[in-house]
Amino acid sequence: MLTVGVCEDDPAIRRVLQRSLEYAEHRAVVAHTGAEALRIFPAATLDVIVMDIGLPDADGRDVVHALKTAGQFAPVLFLTALGAVHDRLSGFAAGAEDYVAKPFDVKEVLARIDVLGRRGLQPRSAGLNLGFELNPMTHALETPTESVSLTPTEFRVLAAIAQRPGEVVRRRAVIAAGWPDGAYVAPNTVDSFLSRLRSKLETVGAPVVIETVRGVGFRMR
């Protein structure tokens, strides 16, 4: 039996997914919005997350970024009406393992969930207290006492680095997360974004820094 987090705002689709999972002897943990997923999923022991991209309060890709930053690393399957190549690529850049466009066959979705559940979790770095949270509804960097706004690109760049604390995140992975449409990004553009993010982390008093690993990428420590 798998425990599957389902975040879907359409009540009919949500109901079909929940009933199908339960019929397959899995357990569904259901959220209606991005805010609810962020409240429920980090504390749950999930084997797989099924995430809608077009949520009413946030982009599901940003919700996944925030969940991974918060330490929830269950494999992610995106369900979305957005099926173009660049939409799929942006989903993978956000950390998804699989992607199914609507309308979908529920049997296929269940089969993909089973595959992701068997794959299990990849080992991740642990022990670093980030001291902040990412809010995908407001695109804000938040601590218990401070908050600062981020642009969507800043949000995704920071999330790409923060969700792998202590590890070196290669520059190309940061670019793929921040600019998922595949635009050409000059090296000094990335460095400019990192400079602004360092300043904002300092503004909210986060107890971490982003260091540049020359010729490779970036690391949060």
Protein backbone atom coordinates (compact mmCIF):
# COMPACT_ATOMS: atom_id res chain seq x y z
CA MET A 1 0.00 0.00 0.00
CA LEU A 2 1.26 3.45 -0.95
CA THR A 3 0.41 6.73 0.72
CA VAL A 4 -0.25 9.23 -2.06
CA GLY A 5 -0.61 12.97 -1.64
CA VAL A 6 -3.12 14.35 -4.14
CA CYS A 7 -3.38 18.10 -4.73
CA GLU A 8 -6.14 18.83 -7.27
CA ASP A 9 -8.65 21.69 -7.25
CA ASP A 10 -11.22 20.07 -9.58
CA PRO A 11 -13.63 18.18 -7.27
CA ALA A 12 -14.62 15.63 -9.92
CA ILE A 13 -11.01 14.72 -10.77
CA ARG A 14 -10.06 14.75 -7.10
CA ARG A 15 -12.91 12.37 -6.28
CA VAL A 16 -12.01 9.97 -9.11
CA LEU A 17 -8.35 9.90 -8.04
CA GLN A 18 -9.17 9.36 -4.38
CA ARG A 19 -11.65 6.56 -5.08
CA SER A 20 -9.34 4.88 -7.59
CA LEU A 21 -6.41 4.97 -5.18
CA GLU A 22 -8.51 3.54 -2.38
CA TYR A 23 -9.87 0.83 -4.70
CA ALA A 24 -6.24 -0.07 -5.50
CA GLU A 25 -5.66 -0.35 -1.72
CA HIS A 26 -3.61 2.83 -1.49
CA ARG A 27 -4.16 5.67 0.96
CA ALA A 28 -4.91 9.16 -0.37
CA VAL A 29 -3.96 12.35 1.50
CA VAL A 30 -5.99 15.02 -0.26
CA ALA A 31 -5.43 18.77 -0.63
CA HIS A 32 -7.57 21.22 -2.62
CA THR A 33 -5.11 24.10 -2.94
CA GLY A 34 -1.40 24.82 -2.86
CA ALA A 35 -1.70 26.33 0.60
CA GLU A 36 -3.40 23.20 1.91
CA ALA A 37 -0.75 20.97 0.33
CA LEU A 38 1.99 22.98 2.03
CA ARG A 39 0.17 22.64 5.34
CA ILE A 40 -0.53 18.89 5.07
CA PHE A 41 2.12 17.23 2.90
CA PRO A 42 5.39 18.15 4.73
CA ALA A 43 4.25 16.36 7.88
CA ALA A 44 2.89 13.31 6.04
CA THR A 45 4.90 10.20 5.19
CA LEU A 46 4.16 10.18 1.48
CA ASP A 47 5.36 7.69 -1.10
CA VAL A 48 4.19 9.70 -4.13
CA ILE A 49 2.73 13.16 -4.75
CA VAL A 50 0.21 13.83 -7.53
CA MET A 51 0.15 17.57 -8.19
CA ASP A 52 -2.09 19.66 -10.44
CA ILE A 53 -0.23 22.60 -12.01
CA GLY A 54 -3.22 24.92 -12.46
CA LEU A 55 -4.17 25.46 -8.83
CA PRO A 56 -6.39 28.41 -7.87
CA ASP A 57 -3.87 29.96 -5.49
CA ALA A 58 -0.47 29.01 -6.95
CA ASP A 59 1.41 27.32 -9.76
CA GLY A 60 1.76 23.66 -8.80
CA ARG A 61 5.39 23.73 -9.96
CA ASP A 62 6.16 26.39 -7.38
CA VAL A 63 4.30 24.39 -4.72
CA VAL A 64 6.57 21.43 -5.49
CA HIS A 65 9.63 23.68 -5.20
CA ALA A 66 8.40 24.81 -1.78
CA LEU A 67 7.62 21.25 -0.64
CA LYS A 68 11.09 20.02 -1.58
CA THR A 69 12.66 23.01 0.17
CA ALA A 70 10.64 22.04 3.25
CA GLY A 71 12.06 18.50 3.09
CA GLN A 72 9.24 16.57 1.39
CA PHE A 73 11.03 14.54 -1.29
CA ALA A 74 8.36 12.07 -2.38
CA PRO A 75 8.45 11.49 -6.16
CA VAL A 76 6.09 13.85 -7.99
CA LEU A 77 3.65 13.18 -10.81
CA PHE A 78 2.20 16.31 -12.40
CA LEU A 79 -1.35 16.26 -13.78
CA THR A 80 -2.08 19.20 -16.03
CA ALA A 81 -3.92 20.50 -19.05
CA LEU A 82 -0.62 22.04 -20.17
CA GLY A 83 0.91 19.46 -22.47
CA ALA A 84 3.38 21.38 -24.63
CA VAL A 85 7.04 20.36 -24.57
CA HIS A 86 8.18 23.47 -22.67
CA ASP A 87 5.42 22.86 -20.08
CA ARG A 88 6.67 19.33 -19.51
CA LEU A 89 10.26 20.54 -19.30
CA SER A 90 9.31 23.16 -16.71
CA GLY A 91 7.64 20.43 -14.67
CA PHE A 92 10.76 18.30 -14.70
CA ALA A 93 12.86 21.36 -13.81
CA ALA A 94 10.62 21.85 -10.78
CA GLY A 95 11.55 18.38 -9.58
CA ALA A 96 8.86 16.14 -11.04
CA GLU A 97 9.61 12.54 -11.93
CA ASP A 98 6.62 12.08 -14.26
CA TYR A 99 4.03 14.11 -16.14
CA VAL A 100 0.55 13.24 -17.45
CA ALA A 101 -1.58 15.64 -19.50
CA LYS A 102 -5.35 15.94 -19.04
CA PRO A 103 -7.59 14.32 -20.03
CA PHE A 104 -6.00 11.12 -18.76
CA ASP A 105 -6.83 7.47 -18.28
CA VAL A 106 -6.96 6.80 -14.55
CA LYS A 107 -5.50 3.31 -15.07
CA GLU A 108 -2.40 4.86 -16.62
CA VAL A 109 -2.08 7.30 -13.73
CA LEU A 110 -2.32 4.45 -11.22
CA ALA A 111 0.32 2.49 -13.12
CA ARG A 112 2.67 5.48 -13.10
CA ILE A 113 2.05 5.99 -9.37
CA ASP A 114 2.96 2.34 -8.74
CA VAL A 115 6.23 2.78 -10.67
CA LEU A 116 7.14 5.92 -8.72
CA GLY A 117 6.24 4.24 -5.45
CA ARG A 118 8.53 1.29 -6.20
CA ARG A 119 11.34 3.62 -7.19
CA GLY A 120 11.40 5.06 -3.67
CA LEU A 121 13.19 8.12 -2.39
CA GLN A 122 16.68 9.20 -3.34
CA PRO A 123 19.04 9.94 -0.45
CA ARG A 124 19.26 13.65 0.32
CA SER A 125 21.43 15.87 2.42
CA ALA A 126 20.15 16.40 5.94
CA GLY A 127 20.92 18.40 9.01
CA LEU A 128 21.04 21.95 7.61
CA ASN A 129 18.53 24.30 9.17
CA LEU A 130 17.54 26.65 6.38
CA GLY A 131 15.76 29.00 8.77
CA PHE A 132 13.28 30.13 6.10
CA GLU A 133 10.31 28.98 4.06
CA LEU A 134 9.25 29.69 0.50
CA ASN A 135 5.65 30.79 -0.03
CA PRO A 136 4.52 29.93 -3.58
CA MET A 137 1.22 31.79 -3.18
CA THR A 138 2.92 35.15 -2.63
CA HIS A 139 6.40 34.35 -4.04
CA ALA A 140 7.92 35.37 -0.74
CA LEU A 141 10.95 34.35 1.29
CA GLU A 142 9.75 34.09 4.89
CA THR A 143 11.20 33.63 8.36
CA PRO A 144 9.18 33.68 11.58
CA THR A 145 9.70 37.44 11.86
CA GLU A 146 10.52 38.74 8.38
CA SER A 147 9.31 38.45 4.81
CA VAL A 148 10.67 39.68 1.48
CA SER A 149 9.15 39.41 -1.98
CA LEU A 150 10.77 37.36 -4.74
CA THR A 151 10.23 37.47 -8.47
CA PRO A 152 9.05 34.16 -9.95
CA THR A 153 12.55 33.57 -11.35
CA GLU A 154 14.21 34.40 -8.02
CA PHE A 155 11.79 32.02 -6.30
CA ARG A 156 12.68 29.12 -8.59
CA VAL A 157 16.41 29.77 -8.56
CA LEU A 158 16.47 29.89 -4.76
CA ALA A 159 14.31 26.76 -4.50
CA ALA A 160 16.58 24.82 -6.86
CA ILE A 161 19.54 25.47 -4.55
CA ALA A 162 17.71 25.31 -1.21
CA GLN A 163 16.10 21.93 -1.82
CA ARG A 164 19.57 20.35 -1.92
CA PRO A 165 21.28 21.94 1.10
CA GLY A 166 24.98 21.25 1.40
CA GLU A 167 25.18 19.88 -2.16
CA VAL A 168 26.65 21.64 -5.15
CA VAL A 169 23.84 22.41 -7.60
CA ARG A 170 25.22 22.76 -11.09
CA ARG A 171 24.74 26.05 -12.89
CA ARG A 172 22.79 24.40 -15.71
CA ALA A 173 20.30 22.94 -13.20
CA VAL A 174 19.78 26.38 -11.69
CA ILE A 175 19.18 27.83 -15.16
CA ALA A 176 16.72 25.04 -16.03
CA ALA A 177 14.74 25.79 -12.88
CA GLY A 178 14.76 29.56 -13.19
CA TRP A 179 14.22 29.79 -16.95
CA PRO A 180 12.23 26.63 -17.83
CA ASP A 181 11.24 27.86 -21.31
CA GLY A 182 14.78 27.26 -22.51
CA ALA A 183 15.84 30.87 -23.06
CA TYR A 184 19.52 31.68 -23.40
CA VAL A 185 20.80 33.00 -20.08
CA ALA A 186 24.15 34.76 -19.87
CA PRO A 187 26.44 33.81 -16.96
CA ASN A 188 26.39 37.35 -15.57
CA THR A 189 22.56 37.22 -15.50
CA VAL A 190 22.65 34.18 -13.21
CA ASP A 191 25.28 35.82 -11.03
CA SER A 192 23.12 38.95 -10.78
CA PHE A 193 20.16 36.89 -9.57
CA LEU A 194 22.34 35.11 -7.01
CA SER A 195 23.61 38.46 -5.74
CA ARG A 196 20.05 39.67 -5.18
CA LEU A 197 19.11 36.42 -3.46
CA ARG A 198 22.08 36.65 -1.10
CA SER A 199 20.98 40.17 -0.19
CA LYS A 200 17.42 39.03 0.47
CA LEU A 201 18.54 36.10 2.61
CA GLU A 202 20.57 38.57 4.65
CA THR A 203 17.59 40.94 4.88
CA VAL A 204 15.37 38.31 6.53
CA GLY A 205 18.22 37.06 8.73
CA ALA A 206 18.33 33.52 7.33
CA PRO A 207 21.17 31.52 8.92
CA VAL A 208 22.45 30.23 5.57
CA VAL A 209 24.51 31.57 2.70
CA ILE A 210 24.81 30.70 -0.99
CA GLU A 211 28.39 30.19 -2.07
CA THR A 212 29.65 30.00 -5.64
CA VAL A 213 31.65 26.91 -6.51
CA ARG A 214 33.69 28.31 -9.35
CA GLY A 215 33.24 26.53 -12.64
CA VAL A 216 30.57 24.20 -11.23
CA GLY A 217 27.57 25.86 -9.59
CA PHE A 218 26.23 26.95 -6.22
CA ARG A 219 25.87 25.52 -2.73
CA MET A 220 23.76 26.51 0.26
CA ARG A 221 25.46 26.10 3.61
